[in-house]
Amino acid sequence: MKFLATFLIAACLLPTARAVESVPARLIGYYSNMRVEGADDPHFVSGYNVALYQREAETIGQVMVAIGSPEPAPATIRNLTYDPKKKLLTFTAEYSNGLATNPVKGEPDREALQVLTFSGIVRPQSISGKVGVKDFYCAQCRPVFKRVTLKRISEMDSPGALQSIAQ
């Protein structure tokens, strides 16, 4: 009886132990439309870097946003969806433009948070779609949209490169 109980406990734990093992993510691609200005003191003045990975049925990614600084700002992705059959990619991300004056008198400055939304198509050599940006703190504000195309690049090895999340 003791053997049977031990066997049943081990059988229940085995699938859990296997689920904990990390499955490596497969790179879908690196995409960018970053524009850099300044030879002596380069700054990322416009554009985005996007890295997409597939881990089993889950798509994960990273986004960096040019805000005029020496390094692009990392954005925290929320609600990323990718339909591999339709090649449709959508996500919402939040990033900071630095500090902004707090509208409440006497309060310290606060993060200048922005909300970025994207909806577009992933092609073999590019991602094209609409990007919308709005102030995080302004609930009634509507995003300002523009059309963008990010070209596929072979690697992210320049300043502001995306760090690997595939492990």
C-alpha atoms as a PDB file:
ATOM      1  CA  MET A   1       0.000   0.000   0.000  1.00  0.00           C
ATOM      2  CA  LYS A   2       2.856   2.359   0.852  1.00  0.00           C
ATOM      3  CA  PHE A   3       4.430   1.598  -2.548  1.00  0.00           C
ATOM      4  CA  LEU A   4       1.145   2.391  -4.329  1.00  0.00           C
ATOM      5  CA  ALA A   5       0.825   5.752  -2.512  1.00  0.00           C
ATOM      6  CA  THR A   6       4.439   6.655  -3.382  1.00  0.00           C
ATOM      7  CA  PHE A   7       3.859   5.664  -7.008  1.00  0.00           C
ATOM      8  CA  LEU A   8       0.690   7.784  -7.262  1.00  0.00           C
ATOM      9  CA  ILE A   9       2.420  10.815  -5.738  1.00  0.00           C
ATOM     10  CA  ALA A  10       5.381  10.437  -8.120  1.00  0.00           C
ATOM     11  CA  ALA A  11       3.033  10.055 -11.093  1.00  0.00           C
ATOM     12  CA  CYS A  12       1.262  13.284 -10.152  1.00  0.00           C
ATOM     13  CA  LEU A  13       4.528  15.201  -9.718  1.00  0.00           C
ATOM     14  CA  LEU A  14       6.154  14.032 -12.962  1.00  0.00           C
ATOM     15  CA  PRO A  15       4.042  16.187 -15.311  1.00  0.00           C
ATOM     16  CA  THR A  16       4.614  19.173 -13.020  1.00  0.00           C
ATOM     17  CA  ALA A  17       8.373  18.657 -13.082  1.00  0.00           C
ATOM     18  CA  ARG A  18       8.371  18.454 -16.876  1.00  0.00           C
ATOM     19  CA  ALA A  19       6.244  21.607 -17.173  1.00  0.00           C
ATOM     20  CA  VAL A  20       8.857  23.579 -15.219  1.00  0.00           C
ATOM     21  CA  GLU A  21      11.572  22.795 -17.794  1.00  0.00           C
ATOM     22  CA  SER A  22      12.228  25.853 -19.923  1.00  0.00           C
ATOM     23  CA  VAL A  23      11.483  25.455 -23.612  1.00  0.00           C
ATOM     24  CA  PRO A  24      13.812  27.635 -25.691  1.00  0.00           C
ATOM     25  CA  ALA A  25      12.109  30.294 -27.769  1.00  0.00           C
ATOM     26  CA  ARG A  26      12.512  30.394 -31.545  1.00  0.00           C
ATOM     27  CA  LEU A  27      13.401  33.745 -33.076  1.00  0.00           C
ATOM     28  CA  ILE A  28      10.743  35.074 -35.448  1.00  0.00           C
ATOM     29  CA  GLY A  29      12.841  38.138 -36.247  1.00  0.00           C
ATOM     30  CA  TYR A  30      14.384  41.475 -35.342  1.00  0.00           C
ATOM     31  CA  TYR A  31      12.799  44.546 -36.927  1.00  0.00           C
ATOM     32  CA  SER A  32      13.781  48.212 -36.803  1.00  0.00           C
ATOM     33  CA  ASN A  33      13.162  51.637 -38.270  1.00  0.00           C
ATOM     34  CA  MET A  34      15.395  53.496 -35.776  1.00  0.00           C
ATOM     35  CA  ARG A  35      16.968  56.725 -36.967  1.00  0.00           C
ATOM     36  CA  VAL A  36      20.191  57.884 -35.308  1.00  0.00           C
ATOM     37  CA  GLU A  37      21.675  61.374 -35.577  1.00  0.00           C
ATOM     38  CA  GLY A  38      25.040  62.714 -34.453  1.00  0.00           C
ATOM     39  CA  ALA A  39      28.363  61.146 -35.378  1.00  0.00           C
ATOM     40  CA  ASP A  40      30.241  62.221 -32.244  1.00  0.00           C
ATOM     41  CA  ASP A  41      27.302  61.894 -29.841  1.00  0.00           C
ATOM     42  CA  PRO A  42      24.697  59.590 -31.425  1.00  0.00           C
ATOM     43  CA  HIS A  43      21.082  59.822 -30.281  1.00  0.00           C
ATOM     44  CA  PHE A  44      18.076  57.730 -31.286  1.00  0.00           C
ATOM     45  CA  VAL A  45      15.724  60.399 -32.620  1.00  0.00           C
ATOM     46  CA  SER A  46      12.850  58.348 -34.034  1.00  0.00           C
ATOM     47  CA  GLY A  47      11.638  54.829 -34.604  1.00  0.00           C
ATOM     48  CA  TYR A  48      11.243  51.464 -32.936  1.00  0.00           C
ATOM     49  CA  ASN A  49      13.107  48.183 -32.445  1.00  0.00           C
ATOM     50  CA  VAL A  50      10.997  45.029 -32.150  1.00  0.00           C
ATOM     51  CA  ALA A  51      12.147  41.482 -31.420  1.00  0.00           C
ATOM     52  CA  LEU A  52       9.653  38.624 -31.727  1.00  0.00           C
ATOM     53  CA  TYR A  53      10.051  35.072 -30.438  1.00  0.00           C
ATOM     54  CA  GLN A  54       7.818  31.994 -30.478  1.00  0.00           C
ATOM     55  CA  ARG A  55       7.807  29.598 -27.508  1.00  0.00           C
ATOM     56  CA  GLU A  56       5.398  26.752 -28.210  1.00  0.00           C
ATOM     57  CA  ALA A  57       2.011  28.493 -28.740  1.00  0.00           C
ATOM     58  CA  GLU A  58       3.087  31.731 -27.028  1.00  0.00           C
ATOM     59  CA  THR A  59       4.553  34.735 -28.843  1.00  0.00           C
ATOM     60  CA  ILE A  60       6.810  36.976 -26.772  1.00  0.00           C
ATOM     61  CA  GLY A  61       8.620  40.132 -27.704  1.00  0.00           C
ATOM     62  CA  GLN A  62      10.541  43.239 -26.798  1.00  0.00           C
ATOM     63  CA  VAL A  63      10.084  46.811 -27.965  1.00  0.00           C
ATOM     64  CA  MET A  64      12.464  49.760 -27.737  1.00  0.00           C
ATOM     65  CA  VAL A  65      11.339  53.324 -28.541  1.00  0.00           C
ATOM     66  CA  ALA A  66      13.553  56.200 -29.724  1.00  0.00           C
ATOM     67  CA  ILE A  67      13.006  59.230 -27.479  1.00  0.00           C
ATOM     68  CA  GLY A  68      15.952  61.412 -28.536  1.00  0.00           C
ATOM     69  CA  SER A  69      18.366  59.950 -25.988  1.00  0.00           C
ATOM     70  CA  PRO A  70      21.644  58.020 -26.432  1.00  0.00           C
ATOM     71  CA  GLU A  71      19.713  54.796 -25.778  1.00  0.00           C
ATOM     72  CA  PRO A  72      16.140  53.962 -26.823  1.00  0.00           C
ATOM     73  CA  ALA A  73      13.609  53.512 -24.017  1.00  0.00           C
ATOM     74  CA  PRO A  74      12.507  49.946 -23.240  1.00  0.00           C
ATOM     75  CA  ALA A  75       8.747  49.430 -23.452  1.00  0.00           C
ATOM     76  CA  THR A  76       6.818  46.964 -21.325  1.00  0.00           C
ATOM     77  CA  ILE A  77       4.596  44.909 -23.605  1.00  0.00           C
ATOM     78  CA  ARG A  78       1.040  44.160 -22.557  1.00  0.00           C
ATOM     79  CA  ASN A  79      -1.460  42.031 -24.482  1.00  0.00           C
ATOM     80  CA  LEU A  80       0.758  40.802 -27.330  1.00  0.00           C
ATOM     81  CA  THR A  81      -1.066  38.605 -29.822  1.00  0.00           C
ATOM     82  CA  TYR A  82       0.261  37.086 -33.016  1.00  0.00           C
ATOM     83  CA  ASP A  83      -1.740  34.999 -35.462  1.00  0.00           C
ATOM     84  CA  PRO A  84       0.861  33.062 -37.502  1.00  0.00           C
ATOM     85  CA  LYS A  85      -1.697  32.090 -40.166  1.00  0.00           C
ATOM     86  CA  LYS A  86      -2.878  35.657 -40.837  1.00  0.00           C
ATOM     87  CA  LYS A  87       0.530  37.119 -39.848  1.00  0.00           C
ATOM     88  CA  LEU A  88      -1.353  39.674 -37.718  1.00  0.00           C
ATOM     89  CA  LEU A  89       0.570  41.212 -34.794  1.00  0.00           C
ATOM     90  CA  THR A  90      -1.036  43.420 -32.151  1.00  0.00           C
ATOM     91  CA  PHE A  91       0.271  44.704 -28.849  1.00  0.00           C
ATOM     92  CA  THR A  92       0.082  47.474 -26.317  1.00  0.00           C
ATOM     93  CA  ALA A  93       3.233  48.708 -24.584  1.00  0.00           C
ATOM     94  CA  GLU A  94       4.140  51.335 -22.011  1.00  0.00           C
ATOM     95  CA  TYR A  95       7.349  53.368 -21.908  1.00  0.00           C
ATOM     96  CA  SER A  96       8.739  56.500 -20.286  1.00  0.00           C
ATOM     97  CA  ASN A  97       9.869  59.664 -22.061  1.00  0.00           C
ATOM     98  CA  GLY A  98      11.711  60.695 -18.890  1.00  0.00           C
ATOM     99  CA  LEU A  99      10.285  63.032 -16.250  1.00  0.00           C
ATOM    100  CA  ALA A 100       7.349  65.415 -16.593  1.00  0.00           C
ATOM    101  CA  THR A 101       6.031  68.148 -14.360  1.00  0.00           C
ATOM    102  CA  ASN A 102       3.374  66.827 -12.018  1.00  0.00           C
ATOM    103  CA  PRO A 103       0.058  68.702 -12.496  1.00  0.00           C
ATOM    104  CA  VAL A 104      -0.514  68.549  -8.721  1.00  0.00           C
ATOM    105  CA  LYS A 105       1.186  71.598  -7.150  1.00  0.00           C
ATOM    106  CA  GLY A 106       3.903  70.746  -4.674  1.00  0.00           C
ATOM    107  CA  GLU A 107       4.173  67.143  -5.841  1.00  0.00           C
ATOM    108  CA  PRO A 108       7.456  65.853  -7.309  1.00  0.00           C
ATOM    109  CA  ASP A 109       7.873  65.352 -11.041  1.00  0.00           C
ATOM    110  CA  ARG A 110       6.550  62.036 -12.359  1.00  0.00           C
ATOM    111  CA  GLU A 111       7.437  59.590 -15.101  1.00  0.00           C
ATOM    112  CA  ALA A 112       6.256  60.803 -18.509  1.00  0.00           C
ATOM    113  CA  LEU A 113       4.554  57.515 -19.320  1.00  0.00           C
ATOM    114  CA  GLN A 114       3.288  56.853 -22.828  1.00  0.00           C
ATOM    115  CA  VAL A 115       1.020  54.085 -24.119  1.00  0.00           C
ATOM    116  CA  LEU A 116       1.929  52.658 -27.513  1.00  0.00           C
ATOM    117  CA  THR A 117      -0.485  50.489 -29.492  1.00  0.00           C
ATOM    118  CA  PHE A 118       0.438  48.566 -32.624  1.00  0.00           C
ATOM    119  CA  SER A 119      -1.564  46.586 -35.142  1.00  0.00           C
ATOM    120  CA  GLY A 120       0.014  45.254 -38.303  1.00  0.00           C
ATOM    121  CA  ILE A 121       1.241  42.472 -40.533  1.00  0.00           C
ATOM    122  CA  VAL A 122       4.481  40.509 -40.182  1.00  0.00           C
ATOM    123  CA  ARG A 123       6.050  39.801 -43.566  1.00  0.00           C
ATOM    124  CA  PRO A 124       9.294  37.916 -44.272  1.00  0.00           C
ATOM    125  CA  GLN A 125      11.329  41.157 -44.534  1.00  0.00           C
ATOM    126  CA  SER A 126       9.266  43.688 -42.561  1.00  0.00           C
ATOM    127  CA  ILE A 127       6.481  44.564 -40.145  1.00  0.00           C
ATOM    128  CA  SER A 128       4.011  47.179 -41.374  1.00  0.00           C
ATOM    129  CA  GLY A 129       1.084  48.673 -39.548  1.00  0.00           C
ATOM    130  CA  LYS A 130      -0.308  51.501 -37.446  1.00  0.00           C
ATOM    131  CA  VAL A 131       1.319  52.793 -34.265  1.00  0.00           C
ATOM    132  CA  GLY A 132      -0.667  54.908 -31.839  1.00  0.00           C
ATOM    133  CA  VAL A 133       0.873  56.874 -28.954  1.00  0.00           C
ATOM    134  CA  LYS A 134      -0.944  58.624 -26.121  1.00  0.00           C
ATOM    135  CA  ASP A 135      -0.266  59.997 -22.651  1.00  0.00           C
ATOM    136  CA  PHE A 136      -0.697  57.283 -20.004  1.00  0.00           C
ATOM    137  CA  TYR A 137      -2.280  59.715 -17.521  1.00  0.00           C
ATOM    138  CA  CYS A 138      -4.858  61.164 -19.910  1.00  0.00           C
ATOM    139  CA  ALA A 139      -7.781  58.733 -19.957  1.00  0.00           C
ATOM    140  CA  GLN A 140      -9.894  60.869 -22.316  1.00  0.00           C
ATOM    141  CA  CYS A 141      -7.047  61.472 -24.800  1.00  0.00           C
ATOM    142  CA  ARG A 142      -7.008  59.576 -28.057  1.00  0.00           C
ATOM    143  CA  PRO A 143      -3.805  58.113 -29.474  1.00  0.00           C
ATOM    144  CA  VAL A 144      -2.062  59.861 -32.355  1.00  0.00           C
ATOM    145  CA  PHE A 145      -1.658  57.230 -35.093  1.00  0.00           C
ATOM    146  CA  LYS A 146       0.876  56.917 -37.895  1.00  0.00           C
ATOM    147  CA  ARG A 147       1.779  54.206 -40.376  1.00  0.00           C
ATOM    148  CA  VAL A 148       5.178  52.556 -39.922  1.00  0.00           C
ATOM    149  CA  THR A 149       7.316  49.939 -41.608  1.00  0.00           C
ATOM    150  CA  LEU A 150      10.091  48.233 -39.670  1.00  0.00           C
ATOM    151  CA  LYS A 151      12.650  46.400 -41.796  1.00  0.00           C
ATOM    152  CA  ARG A 152      13.941  42.999 -40.784  1.00  0.00           C
ATOM    153  CA  ILE A 153      17.549  43.162 -39.602  1.00  0.00           C
ATOM    154  CA  SER A 154      19.950  40.293 -39.044  1.00  0.00           C
ATOM    155  CA  GLU A 155      20.936  41.128 -35.476  1.00  0.00           C
ATOM    156  CA  MET A 156      20.596  43.675 -32.707  1.00  0.00           C
ATOM    157  CA  ASP A 157      24.226  44.557 -32.055  1.00  0.00           C
ATOM    158  CA  SER A 158      24.134  48.363 -31.982  1.00  0.00           C
ATOM    159  CA  PRO A 159      23.552  50.684 -29.017  1.00  0.00           C
ATOM    160  CA  GLY A 160      20.040  50.131 -27.770  1.00  0.00           C
ATOM    161  CA  ALA A 161      20.116  46.512 -28.908  1.00  0.00           C
ATOM    162  CA  LEU A 162      17.423  44.285 -27.523  1.00  0.00           C
ATOM    163  CA  GLN A 163      18.535  41.863 -24.872  1.00  0.00           C
ATOM    164  CA  SER A 164      17.799  38.212 -25.474  1.00  0.00           C
ATOM    165  CA  ILE A 165      14.696  36.862 -23.777  1.00  0.00           C
ATOM    166  CA  ALA A 166      14.901  33.535 -25.554  1.00  0.00           C
ATOM    167  CA  GLN A 167      16.486  31.678 -22.608  1.00  0.00           C
END
